[in-house]
Amino acid sequence: MAVSGEPEPLGSAVDDLLRAALAKTLGAGEGGASMHVAFLMFITHAMLGLLCCVAVFLTSKLLSPIVFRSVLSKLAPFEQKIWHTNMVTFFPTFAVTYFALPAILDHAGARYSFVEPASANTLKACGMSLGYMTWDLGVLIFDARDQMRAYGGVLPYILFLFHHTLSIVAWPYAVCAGRCVYFVNFFLVSEVTNFNMSLRWFLLTAKKESGSLYMVNGLLWIPLFFAVRVAVIPRLVDEYWNGDWVQLGPVETMTARAMLPIPVMLNVYWMGLIASGALKFLKTGSTEEAPAGLEKKGN
């Protein structure tokens, strides 16, 4: 296991409680101990990520009415609520990418291998990402009606419900057991495009789409989205198609075959929406048919 037993960010008391729970759940054998270390690193960063999301939300509730008073005063109550939850979408852009980018750059696993230990950076990035997704899934569930309005309908809303739920279920096992880590690294680093998507929503909400910042943000967003989410697809397909599937157990194989293509297909779909929306904007200057829900969330 390419991780160490370094103290985690929530402190030794939390570490001790989690270790005791893991010992009872996974056992104290040598194999279980290595998974303990990985899961401890993952879960503490997931908890930290969730706490950071709450902090960003509360900070926005406190400061946005002061800093953006003129904008918020023109918004409906539900839009003001969405403003604060959307402030949280900036968090994974920085927190997840900070760990995910070096995880990719330092990746040294064998080609076409589905089994390899996750690095410390992968575990931390995954924890931060799923901490955010846990927060966002809670927002989706407990504020369903207004979230559907913000996403532009039921279908985009359901899409993100499934996206978050599947990630929360599958990724912890993948990174802690060392399965399909190569793919998870690329899915994690794609969080970097959240910044442009989130900024786009705020500029549209503030009626700043005619300004130069909106244009520059869009011009930077499209090539970044393509480079991070689309240009890597041939490499991911090659690893998927030619991978050593015999390394995985029957359930792992079935799950990986079914789930690994989903983010790839979503990214192709979203890239098509972004391109069509950009062409419409360049031709007419209209943003009315922007990708539904995409400017609100970007995982």
C-alpha atoms as a PDB file:
ATOM      1  CA  MET A   1       0.000   0.000   0.000  1.00  0.00           C
ATOM      2  CA  ALA A   2       1.470   3.290  -1.168  1.00  0.00           C
ATOM      3  CA  VAL A   3       0.209   5.256   1.811  1.00  0.00           C
ATOM      4  CA  SER A   4       1.588   5.857   5.272  1.00  0.00           C
ATOM      5  CA  GLY A   5       0.064   6.031   8.711  1.00  0.00           C
ATOM      6  CA  GLU A   6       0.467   9.794   8.940  1.00  0.00           C
ATOM      7  CA  PRO A   7      -1.893  11.683  11.259  1.00  0.00           C
ATOM      8  CA  GLU A   8      -5.090  12.689   9.502  1.00  0.00           C
ATOM      9  CA  PRO A   9      -6.443  16.266   9.431  1.00  0.00           C
ATOM     10  CA  LEU A  10      -9.266  15.737  11.933  1.00  0.00           C
ATOM     11  CA  GLY A  11      -6.910  14.818  14.762  1.00  0.00           C
ATOM     12  CA  SER A  12      -5.751  11.751  16.681  1.00  0.00           C
ATOM     13  CA  ALA A  13      -9.002  11.341  18.638  1.00  0.00           C
ATOM     14  CA  VAL A  14     -11.013  10.902  15.450  1.00  0.00           C
ATOM     15  CA  ASP A  15      -8.284   8.627  14.068  1.00  0.00           C
ATOM     16  CA  ASP A  16      -8.503   6.353  17.123  1.00  0.00           C
ATOM     17  CA  LEU A  17     -12.292   6.073  16.923  1.00  0.00           C
ATOM     18  CA  LEU A  18     -12.157   5.218  13.224  1.00  0.00           C
ATOM     19  CA  ARG A  19      -9.381   2.665  13.717  1.00  0.00           C
ATOM     20  CA  ALA A  20     -11.425   0.896  16.390  1.00  0.00           C
ATOM     21  CA  ALA A  21     -14.469   0.792  14.115  1.00  0.00           C
ATOM     22  CA  LEU A  22     -12.403  -0.484  11.186  1.00  0.00           C
ATOM     23  CA  ALA A  23     -10.796  -3.213  13.294  1.00  0.00           C
ATOM     24  CA  LYS A  24     -14.241  -4.536  14.199  1.00  0.00           C
ATOM     25  CA  THR A  25     -15.527  -4.242  10.624  1.00  0.00           C
ATOM     26  CA  LEU A  26     -12.570  -5.439   8.546  1.00  0.00           C
ATOM     27  CA  GLY A  27     -10.594  -7.450  11.081  1.00  0.00           C
ATOM     28  CA  ALA A  28      -7.044  -6.910  12.252  1.00  0.00           C
ATOM     29  CA  GLY A  29      -5.179  -9.185   9.848  1.00  0.00           C
ATOM     30  CA  GLU A  30      -2.261  -7.997   7.764  1.00  0.00           C
ATOM     31  CA  GLY A  31      -4.432  -7.510   4.654  1.00  0.00           C
ATOM     32  CA  GLY A  32      -7.090  -5.775   6.720  1.00  0.00           C
ATOM     33  CA  ALA A  33      -4.490  -3.489   8.303  1.00  0.00           C
ATOM     34  CA  SER A  34      -3.341  -2.152   4.945  1.00  0.00           C
ATOM     35  CA  MET A  35      -6.922  -1.449   3.991  1.00  0.00           C
ATOM     36  CA  HIS A  36      -7.422   0.226   7.380  1.00  0.00           C
ATOM     37  CA  VAL A  37      -4.713   2.760   6.530  1.00  0.00           C
ATOM     38  CA  ALA A  38      -6.192   3.490   3.106  1.00  0.00           C
ATOM     39  CA  PHE A  39      -9.762   3.764   4.364  1.00  0.00           C
ATOM     40  CA  LEU A  40      -8.744   5.934   7.305  1.00  0.00           C
ATOM     41  CA  MET A  41      -7.024   8.378   4.959  1.00  0.00           C
ATOM     42  CA  PHE A  42     -10.019   8.358   2.613  1.00  0.00           C
ATOM     43  CA  ILE A  43     -12.761   8.736   5.233  1.00  0.00           C
ATOM     44  CA  THR A  44     -11.048  11.490   7.227  1.00  0.00           C
ATOM     45  CA  HIS A  45     -10.642  13.569   4.065  1.00  0.00           C
ATOM     46  CA  ALA A  46     -14.266  12.849   3.132  1.00  0.00           C
ATOM     47  CA  MET A  47     -15.350  14.133   6.542  1.00  0.00           C
ATOM     48  CA  LEU A  48     -13.067  17.144   6.174  1.00  0.00           C
ATOM     49  CA  GLY A  49     -14.488  17.829   2.707  1.00  0.00           C
ATOM     50  CA  LEU A  50     -18.042  17.670   4.039  1.00  0.00           C
ATOM     51  CA  LEU A  51     -17.191  20.070   6.872  1.00  0.00           C
ATOM     52  CA  CYS A  52     -15.578  22.460   4.384  1.00  0.00           C
ATOM     53  CA  CYS A  53     -18.751  22.423   2.276  1.00  0.00           C
ATOM     54  CA  VAL A  54     -20.817  23.364   5.311  1.00  0.00           C
ATOM     55  CA  ALA A  55     -18.326  26.135   6.133  1.00  0.00           C
ATOM     56  CA  VAL A  56     -18.453  27.561   2.593  1.00  0.00           C
ATOM     57  CA  PHE A  57     -22.257  27.492   2.643  1.00  0.00           C
ATOM     58  CA  LEU A  58     -22.463  29.279   6.004  1.00  0.00           C
ATOM     59  CA  THR A  59     -19.829  31.813   4.932  1.00  0.00           C
ATOM     60  CA  SER A  60     -21.861  32.604   1.827  1.00  0.00           C
ATOM     61  CA  LYS A  61     -25.010  33.013   3.920  1.00  0.00           C
ATOM     62  CA  LEU A  62     -23.106  35.484   6.093  1.00  0.00           C
ATOM     63  CA  LEU A  63     -21.102  37.466   3.535  1.00  0.00           C
ATOM     64  CA  SER A  64     -22.984  37.266   0.219  1.00  0.00           C
ATOM     65  CA  PRO A  65     -25.823  39.572   1.379  1.00  0.00           C
ATOM     66  CA  ILE A  66     -23.115  42.155   2.132  1.00  0.00           C
ATOM     67  CA  VAL A  67     -20.762  41.664  -0.814  1.00  0.00           C
ATOM     68  CA  PHE A  68     -23.438  40.941  -3.458  1.00  0.00           C
ATOM     69  CA  ARG A  69     -26.329  42.916  -1.983  1.00  0.00           C
ATOM     70  CA  SER A  70     -27.409  44.511  -5.266  1.00  0.00           C
ATOM     71  CA  VAL A  71     -27.548  41.142  -7.019  1.00  0.00           C
ATOM     72  CA  LEU A  72     -29.277  39.152  -4.280  1.00  0.00           C
ATOM     73  CA  SER A  73     -31.919  41.847  -3.782  1.00  0.00           C
ATOM     74  CA  LYS A  74     -33.172  41.164  -7.320  1.00  0.00           C
ATOM     75  CA  LEU A  75     -33.391  37.383  -6.924  1.00  0.00           C
ATOM     76  CA  ALA A  76     -36.397  35.339  -5.892  1.00  0.00           C
ATOM     77  CA  PRO A  77     -36.108  33.589  -2.500  1.00  0.00           C
ATOM     78  CA  PHE A  78     -35.402  30.199  -4.074  1.00  0.00           C
ATOM     79  CA  GLU A  79     -32.672  31.744  -6.265  1.00  0.00           C
ATOM     80  CA  GLN A  80     -31.026  33.275  -3.210  1.00  0.00           C
ATOM     81  CA  LYS A  81     -30.965  29.819  -1.630  1.00  0.00           C
ATOM     82  CA  ILE A  82     -29.432  28.304  -4.773  1.00  0.00           C
ATOM     83  CA  TRP A  83     -26.828  31.079  -4.750  1.00  0.00           C
ATOM     84  CA  HIS A  84     -25.479  29.872  -1.408  1.00  0.00           C
ATOM     85  CA  THR A  85     -25.500  26.155  -2.309  1.00  0.00           C
ATOM     86  CA  ASN A  86     -23.781  26.949  -5.605  1.00  0.00           C
ATOM     87  CA  MET A  87     -20.992  28.769  -3.799  1.00  0.00           C
ATOM     88  CA  VAL A  88     -19.993  25.345  -2.499  1.00  0.00           C
ATOM     89  CA  THR A  89     -19.363  24.102  -6.059  1.00  0.00           C
ATOM     90  CA  PHE A  90     -16.120  26.106  -6.126  1.00  0.00           C
ATOM     91  CA  PHE A  91     -14.719  23.971  -3.299  1.00  0.00           C
ATOM     92  CA  PRO A  92     -13.959  20.723  -5.218  1.00  0.00           C
ATOM     93  CA  THR A  93     -12.288  22.688  -8.009  1.00  0.00           C
ATOM     94  CA  PHE A  94      -9.401  23.524  -5.712  1.00  0.00           C
ATOM     95  CA  ALA A  95      -9.508  20.879  -2.964  1.00  0.00           C
ATOM     96  CA  VAL A  96      -9.855  17.847  -5.231  1.00  0.00           C
ATOM     97  CA  THR A  97      -7.558  19.054  -8.007  1.00  0.00           C
ATOM     98  CA  TYR A  98      -4.841  19.871  -5.456  1.00  0.00           C
ATOM     99  CA  PHE A  99      -4.490  16.137  -4.762  1.00  0.00           C
ATOM    100  CA  ALA A 100      -5.767  14.597  -8.012  1.00  0.00           C
ATOM    101  CA  LEU A 101      -3.338  16.321 -10.367  1.00  0.00           C
ATOM    102  CA  PRO A 102      -0.160  15.029  -8.657  1.00  0.00           C
ATOM    103  CA  ALA A 103      -1.847  11.621  -8.362  1.00  0.00           C
ATOM    104  CA  ILE A 104      -2.021  11.458 -12.163  1.00  0.00           C
ATOM    105  CA  LEU A 105       1.408  12.947 -12.749  1.00  0.00           C
ATOM    106  CA  ASP A 106       3.037  10.514 -10.312  1.00  0.00           C
ATOM    107  CA  HIS A 107       1.055   7.476 -11.401  1.00  0.00           C
ATOM    108  CA  ALA A 108       3.391   4.535 -12.031  1.00  0.00           C
ATOM    109  CA  GLY A 109       1.017   1.578 -12.309  1.00  0.00           C
ATOM    110  CA  ALA A 110       1.400  -1.117 -14.938  1.00  0.00           C
ATOM    111  CA  ARG A 111      -0.428  -0.522 -18.187  1.00  0.00           C
ATOM    112  CA  TYR A 112      -3.732  -2.385 -18.559  1.00  0.00           C
ATOM    113  CA  SER A 113      -3.734  -3.365 -14.887  1.00  0.00           C
ATOM    114  CA  PHE A 114      -6.933  -2.964 -12.897  1.00  0.00           C
ATOM    115  CA  VAL A 115      -5.298  -3.808  -9.568  1.00  0.00           C
ATOM    116  CA  GLU A 116      -2.814  -1.439  -7.927  1.00  0.00           C
ATOM    117  CA  PRO A 117      -2.631   0.399  -4.590  1.00  0.00           C
ATOM    118  CA  ALA A 118      -4.020   3.908  -4.551  1.00  0.00           C
ATOM    119  CA  SER A 119      -1.549   6.651  -3.715  1.00  0.00           C
ATOM    120  CA  ALA A 120      -2.066   8.946  -0.749  1.00  0.00           C
ATOM    121  CA  ASN A 121      -2.997  11.742  -3.150  1.00  0.00           C
ATOM    122  CA  THR A 122      -5.669   9.581  -4.799  1.00  0.00           C
ATOM    123  CA  LEU A 123      -7.181   8.665  -1.425  1.00  0.00           C
ATOM    124  CA  LYS A 124      -7.224  12.291  -0.302  1.00  0.00           C
ATOM    125  CA  ALA A 125      -8.669  13.576  -3.594  1.00  0.00           C
ATOM    126  CA  CYS A 126     -11.356  10.895  -3.562  1.00  0.00           C
ATOM    127  CA  GLY A 127     -12.236  11.714   0.029  1.00  0.00           C
ATOM    128  CA  MET A 128     -12.549  15.420  -0.713  1.00  0.00           C
ATOM    129  CA  SER A 129     -14.646  14.730  -3.805  1.00  0.00           C
ATOM    130  CA  LEU A 130     -17.049  12.377  -2.061  1.00  0.00           C
ATOM    131  CA  GLY A 131     -17.305  14.727   0.900  1.00  0.00           C
ATOM    132  CA  TYR A 132     -18.583  17.321  -1.557  1.00  0.00           C
ATOM    133  CA  MET A 133     -20.878  14.827  -3.303  1.00  0.00           C
ATOM    134  CA  THR A 134     -22.344  13.778   0.046  1.00  0.00           C
ATOM    135  CA  TRP A 135     -23.121  17.413   0.816  1.00  0.00           C
ATOM    136  CA  ASP A 136     -24.578  17.999  -2.639  1.00  0.00           C
ATOM    137  CA  LEU A 137     -26.635  14.805  -2.560  1.00  0.00           C
ATOM    138  CA  GLY A 138     -28.130  15.959   0.730  1.00  0.00           C
ATOM    139  CA  VAL A 139     -29.018  19.293  -0.849  1.00  0.00           C
ATOM    140  CA  LEU A 140     -30.602  17.519  -3.824  1.00  0.00           C
ATOM    141  CA  ILE A 141     -32.714  15.274  -1.606  1.00  0.00           C
ATOM    142  CA  PHE A 142     -33.827  17.759   1.048  1.00  0.00           C
ATOM    143  CA  ASP A 143     -34.448  20.658  -1.348  1.00  0.00           C
ATOM    144  CA  ALA A 144     -35.753  18.629  -4.272  1.00  0.00           C
ATOM    145  CA  ARG A 145     -38.310  21.066  -5.662  1.00  0.00           C
ATOM    146  CA  ASP A 146     -36.040  24.105  -5.922  1.00  0.00           C
ATOM    147  CA  GLN A 147     -33.103  21.981  -7.066  1.00  0.00           C
ATOM    148  CA  MET A 148     -35.201  20.674  -9.954  1.00  0.00           C
ATOM    149  CA  ARG A 149     -35.977  24.260 -10.910  1.00  0.00           C
ATOM    150  CA  ALA A 150     -32.289  25.159 -10.726  1.00  0.00           C
ATOM    151  CA  TYR A 151     -31.271  22.169 -12.853  1.00  0.00           C
ATOM    152  CA  GLY A 152     -33.904  22.914 -15.486  1.00  0.00           C
ATOM    153  CA  GLY A 153     -36.166  19.899 -15.016  1.00  0.00           C
ATOM    154  CA  VAL A 154     -36.600  16.439 -13.605  1.00  0.00           C
ATOM    155  CA  LEU A 155     -34.237  14.583 -15.957  1.00  0.00           C
ATOM    156  CA  PRO A 156     -31.075  16.629 -15.200  1.00  0.00           C
ATOM    157  CA  TYR A 157     -31.955  16.412 -11.514  1.00  0.00           C
ATOM    158  CA  ILE A 158     -32.258  12.615 -11.639  1.00  0.00           C
ATOM    159  CA  LEU A 159     -29.032  12.405 -13.652  1.00  0.00           C
ATOM    160  CA  PHE A 160     -27.064  14.055 -10.843  1.00  0.00           C
ATOM    161  CA  LEU A 161     -28.826  11.976  -8.187  1.00  0.00           C
ATOM    162  CA  PHE A 162     -27.554   8.843  -9.915  1.00  0.00           C
ATOM    163  CA  HIS A 163     -24.135  10.396 -10.583  1.00  0.00           C
ATOM    164  CA  HIS A 164     -23.524  11.228  -6.920  1.00  0.00           C
ATOM    165  CA  THR A 165     -25.029   8.014  -5.532  1.00  0.00           C
ATOM    166  CA  LEU A 166     -23.033   5.705  -7.804  1.00  0.00           C
ATOM    167  CA  SER A 167     -19.813   7.578  -7.030  1.00  0.00           C
ATOM    168  CA  ILE A 168     -20.407   7.436  -3.271  1.00  0.00           C
ATOM    169  CA  VAL A 169     -21.121   3.704  -3.458  1.00  0.00           C
ATOM    170  CA  ALA A 170     -18.318   2.628  -5.819  1.00  0.00           C
ATOM    171  CA  TRP A 171     -15.327   4.917  -5.335  1.00  0.00           C
ATOM    172  CA  PRO A 172     -14.510   4.169  -1.666  1.00  0.00           C
ATOM    173  CA  TYR A 173     -14.110   0.473  -2.426  1.00  0.00           C
ATOM    174  CA  ALA A 174     -12.172   1.195  -5.625  1.00  0.00           C
ATOM    175  CA  VAL A 175      -9.515   3.371  -4.002  1.00  0.00           C
ATOM    176  CA  CYS A 176      -9.260   1.511  -0.691  1.00  0.00           C
ATOM    177  CA  ALA A 177      -9.056  -1.937  -2.280  1.00  0.00           C
ATOM    178  CA  GLY A 178      -6.870  -0.728  -5.154  1.00  0.00           C
ATOM    179  CA  ARG A 179      -9.259  -1.373  -8.038  1.00  0.00           C
ATOM    180  CA  CYS A 180      -9.498   0.715 -11.234  1.00  0.00           C
ATOM    181  CA  VAL A 181      -7.415   3.476  -9.614  1.00  0.00           C
ATOM    182  CA  TYR A 182      -6.145   4.692 -13.006  1.00  0.00           C
ATOM    183  CA  PHE A 183      -9.692   5.547 -14.073  1.00  0.00           C
ATOM    184  CA  VAL A 184     -10.667   7.123 -10.757  1.00  0.00           C
ATOM    185  CA  ASN A 185      -7.663   9.472 -10.978  1.00  0.00           C
ATOM    186  CA  PHE A 186      -8.884  10.880 -14.290  1.00  0.00           C
ATOM    187  CA  PHE A 187     -12.461  11.184 -13.058  1.00  0.00           C
ATOM    188  CA  LEU A 188     -11.237  13.098 -10.000  1.00  0.00           C
ATOM    189  CA  VAL A 189      -9.061  15.594 -11.851  1.00  0.00           C
ATOM    190  CA  SER A 190     -12.016  16.541 -14.056  1.00  0.00           C
ATOM    191  CA  GLU A 191     -13.331  18.496 -11.044  1.00  0.00           C
ATOM    192  CA  VAL A 192     -11.081  21.343 -12.184  1.00  0.00           C
ATOM    193  CA  THR A 193     -13.716  22.337 -14.777  1.00  0.00           C
ATOM    194  CA  ASN A 194     -16.160  23.133 -11.959  1.00  0.00           C
ATOM    195  CA  PHE A 195     -14.664  26.596 -11.607  1.00  0.00           C
ATOM    196  CA  ASN A 196     -15.688  27.766 -15.073  1.00  0.00           C
ATOM    197  CA  MET A 197     -19.109  26.152 -14.834  1.00  0.00           C
ATOM    198  CA  SER A 198     -19.815  27.678 -11.450  1.00  0.00           C
ATOM    199  CA  LEU A 199     -18.549  31.111 -12.465  1.00  0.00           C
ATOM    200  CA  ARG A 200     -20.753  30.946 -15.562  1.00  0.00           C
ATOM    201  CA  TRP A 201     -23.837  30.357 -13.395  1.00  0.00           C
ATOM    202  CA  PHE A 202     -23.034  33.292 -11.131  1.00  0.00           C
ATOM    203  CA  LEU A 203     -22.404  35.621 -14.062  1.00  0.00           C
ATOM    204  CA  LEU A 204     -25.685  34.605 -15.686  1.00  0.00           C
ATOM    205  CA  THR A 205     -27.559  35.031 -12.419  1.00  0.00           C
ATOM    206  CA  ALA A 206     -26.017  38.476 -11.935  1.00  0.00           C
ATOM    207  CA  LYS A 207     -26.985  39.407 -15.536  1.00  0.00           C
ATOM    208  CA  LYS A 208     -23.334  39.843 -16.505  1.00  0.00           C
ATOM    209  CA  GLU A 209     -23.420  37.681 -19.646  1.00  0.00           C
ATOM    210  CA  SER A 210     -22.691  40.678 -21.860  1.00  0.00           C
ATOM    211  CA  GLY A 211     -19.429  41.456 -20.048  1.00  0.00           C
ATOM    212  CA  SER A 212     -15.908  40.505 -21.040  1.00  0.00           C
ATOM    213  CA  LEU A 213     -15.475  38.189 -18.025  1.00  0.00           C
ATOM    214  CA  TYR A 214     -18.320  36.001 -19.255  1.00  0.00           C
ATOM    215  CA  MET A 215     -16.733  35.753 -22.700  1.00  0.00           C
ATOM    216  CA  VAL A 216     -13.244  35.027 -21.351  1.00  0.00           C
ATOM    217  CA  ASN A 217     -14.600  32.422 -18.923  1.00  0.00           C
ATOM    218  CA  GLY A 218     -16.399  30.665 -21.765  1.00  0.00           C
ATOM    219  CA  LEU A 219     -13.377  30.735 -24.039  1.00  0.00           C
ATOM    220  CA  LEU A 220     -11.244  29.164 -21.306  1.00  0.00           C
ATOM    221  CA  TRP A 221     -13.908  26.693 -20.230  1.00  0.00           C
ATOM    222  CA  ILE A 222     -14.395  24.959 -23.586  1.00  0.00           C
ATOM    223  CA  PRO A 223     -10.752  23.954 -24.252  1.00  0.00           C
ATOM    224  CA  LEU A 224     -10.234  23.056 -20.571  1.00  0.00           C
ATOM    225  CA  PHE A 225     -13.318  20.851 -20.559  1.00  0.00           C
ATOM    226  CA  PHE A 226     -12.206  19.201 -23.797  1.00  0.00           C
ATOM    227  CA  ALA A 227      -8.646  18.621 -22.593  1.00  0.00           C
ATOM    228  CA  VAL A 228      -9.545  17.241 -19.174  1.00  0.00           C
ATOM    229  CA  ARG A 229     -12.731  15.322 -19.932  1.00  0.00           C
ATOM    230  CA  VAL A 230     -12.786  14.469 -23.645  1.00  0.00           C
ATOM    231  CA  ALA A 231      -9.242  14.309 -25.048  1.00  0.00           C
ATOM    232  CA  VAL A 232      -8.350  11.588 -22.517  1.00  0.00           C
ATOM    233  CA  ILE A 233     -11.202   9.317 -23.642  1.00  0.00           C
ATOM    234  CA  PRO A 234      -9.179   7.324 -26.235  1.00  0.00           C
ATOM    235  CA  ARG A 235      -6.633   6.505 -23.539  1.00  0.00           C
ATOM    236  CA  LEU A 236      -9.332   5.432 -21.094  1.00  0.00           C
ATOM    237  CA  VAL A 237     -11.087   3.331 -23.738  1.00  0.00           C
ATOM    238  CA  ASP A 238      -7.767   1.636 -24.563  1.00  0.00           C
ATOM    239  CA  GLU A 239      -7.204   0.772 -20.900  1.00  0.00           C
ATOM    240  CA  TYR A 240     -10.785  -0.478 -20.606  1.00  0.00           C
ATOM    241  CA  TRP A 241     -10.810  -2.512 -23.816  1.00  0.00           C
ATOM    242  CA  ASN A 242      -7.372  -4.099 -23.389  1.00  0.00           C
ATOM    243  CA  GLY A 243      -7.306  -4.303 -19.598  1.00  0.00           C
ATOM    244  CA  ASP A 244      -6.427  -7.475 -17.723  1.00  0.00           C
ATOM    245  CA  TRP A 245      -9.945  -8.324 -16.566  1.00  0.00           C
ATOM    246  CA  VAL A 246      -8.887 -11.649 -15.034  1.00  0.00           C
ATOM    247  CA  GLN A 247      -7.366  -9.656 -12.159  1.00  0.00           C
ATOM    248  CA  LEU A 248     -10.849  -8.775 -10.933  1.00  0.00           C
ATOM    249  CA  GLY A 249     -13.400 -10.982  -9.240  1.00  0.00           C
ATOM    250  CA  PRO A 250     -16.793 -11.696 -10.881  1.00  0.00           C
ATOM    251  CA  VAL A 251     -18.678  -8.941  -9.021  1.00  0.00           C
ATOM    252  CA  GLU A 252     -15.814  -6.466  -9.492  1.00  0.00           C
ATOM    253  CA  THR A 253     -15.698  -7.256 -13.217  1.00  0.00           C
ATOM    254  CA  MET A 254     -19.432  -6.837 -13.684  1.00  0.00           C
ATOM    255  CA  THR A 255     -19.453  -3.577 -11.739  1.00  0.00           C
ATOM    256  CA  ALA A 256     -16.414  -2.126 -13.519  1.00  0.00           C
ATOM    257  CA  ARG A 257     -17.681  -3.085 -16.979  1.00  0.00           C
ATOM    258  CA  ALA A 258     -21.007  -1.399 -16.251  1.00  0.00           C
ATOM    259  CA  MET A 259     -19.832   1.722 -14.414  1.00  0.00           C
ATOM    260  CA  LEU A 260     -16.527   2.796 -15.971  1.00  0.00           C
ATOM    261  CA  PRO A 261     -18.123   3.867 -19.284  1.00  0.00           C
ATOM    262  CA  ILE A 262     -20.713   6.083 -17.565  1.00  0.00           C
ATOM    263  CA  PRO A 263     -18.479   9.136 -16.839  1.00  0.00           C
ATOM    264  CA  VAL A 264     -17.021   8.860 -20.342  1.00  0.00           C
ATOM    265  CA  MET A 265     -20.465   8.913 -21.959  1.00  0.00           C
ATOM    266  CA  LEU A 266     -21.597  11.779 -19.724  1.00  0.00           C
ATOM    267  CA  ASN A 267     -18.554  13.848 -20.683  1.00  0.00           C
ATOM    268  CA  VAL A 268     -19.206  13.293 -24.398  1.00  0.00           C
ATOM    269  CA  TYR A 269     -22.852  14.292 -23.883  1.00  0.00           C
ATOM    270  CA  TRP A 270     -21.937  17.404 -21.899  1.00  0.00           C
ATOM    271  CA  MET A 271     -19.259  18.412 -24.413  1.00  0.00           C
ATOM    272  CA  GLY A 272     -21.881  18.284 -27.141  1.00  0.00           C
ATOM    273  CA  LEU A 273     -24.201  20.516 -25.125  1.00  0.00           C
ATOM    274  CA  ILE A 274     -21.412  22.967 -24.382  1.00  0.00           C
ATOM    275  CA  ALA A 275     -20.362  23.153 -28.036  1.00  0.00           C
ATOM    276  CA  SER A 276     -23.924  23.676 -29.270  1.00  0.00           C
ATOM    277  CA  GLY A 277     -24.540  26.331 -26.611  1.00  0.00           C
ATOM    278  CA  ALA A 278     -21.305  28.114 -27.517  1.00  0.00           C
ATOM    279  CA  LEU A 279     -22.195  28.150 -31.210  1.00  0.00           C
ATOM    280  CA  LYS A 280     -25.637  29.546 -30.429  1.00  0.00           C
ATOM    281  CA  PHE A 281     -24.118  32.258 -28.240  1.00  0.00           C
ATOM    282  CA  LEU A 282     -21.623  33.255 -30.940  1.00  0.00           C
ATOM    283  CA  LYS A 283     -24.359  33.421 -33.576  1.00  0.00           C
ATOM    284  CA  THR A 284     -27.146  35.093 -31.610  1.00  0.00           C
ATOM    285  CA  GLY A 285     -25.669  36.260 -28.287  1.00  0.00           C
ATOM    286  CA  SER A 286     -28.408  34.291 -26.518  1.00  0.00           C
ATOM    287  CA  THR A 287     -27.816  32.080 -23.482  1.00  0.00           C
ATOM    288  CA  GLU A 288     -31.397  30.842 -23.221  1.00  0.00           C
ATOM    289  CA  GLU A 289     -30.590  27.344 -24.467  1.00  0.00           C
ATOM    290  CA  ALA A 290     -27.519  26.728 -22.348  1.00  0.00           C
ATOM    291  CA  PRO A 291     -26.986  23.159 -21.179  1.00  0.00           C
ATOM    292  CA  ALA A 292     -29.657  22.422 -18.597  1.00  0.00           C
ATOM    293  CA  GLY A 293     -28.170  21.960 -15.150  1.00  0.00           C
ATOM    294  CA  LEU A 294     -24.597  21.812 -16.423  1.00  0.00           C
ATOM    295  CA  GLU A 295     -23.767  25.341 -15.396  1.00  0.00           C
ATOM    296  CA  LYS A 296     -24.971  24.540 -11.902  1.00  0.00           C
ATOM    297  CA  LYS A 297     -22.910  21.474 -11.172  1.00  0.00           C
ATOM    298  CA  GLY A 298     -19.988  19.921 -12.878  1.00  0.00           C
ATOM    299  CA  ASN A 299     -18.734  16.734 -11.251  1.00  0.00           C
END
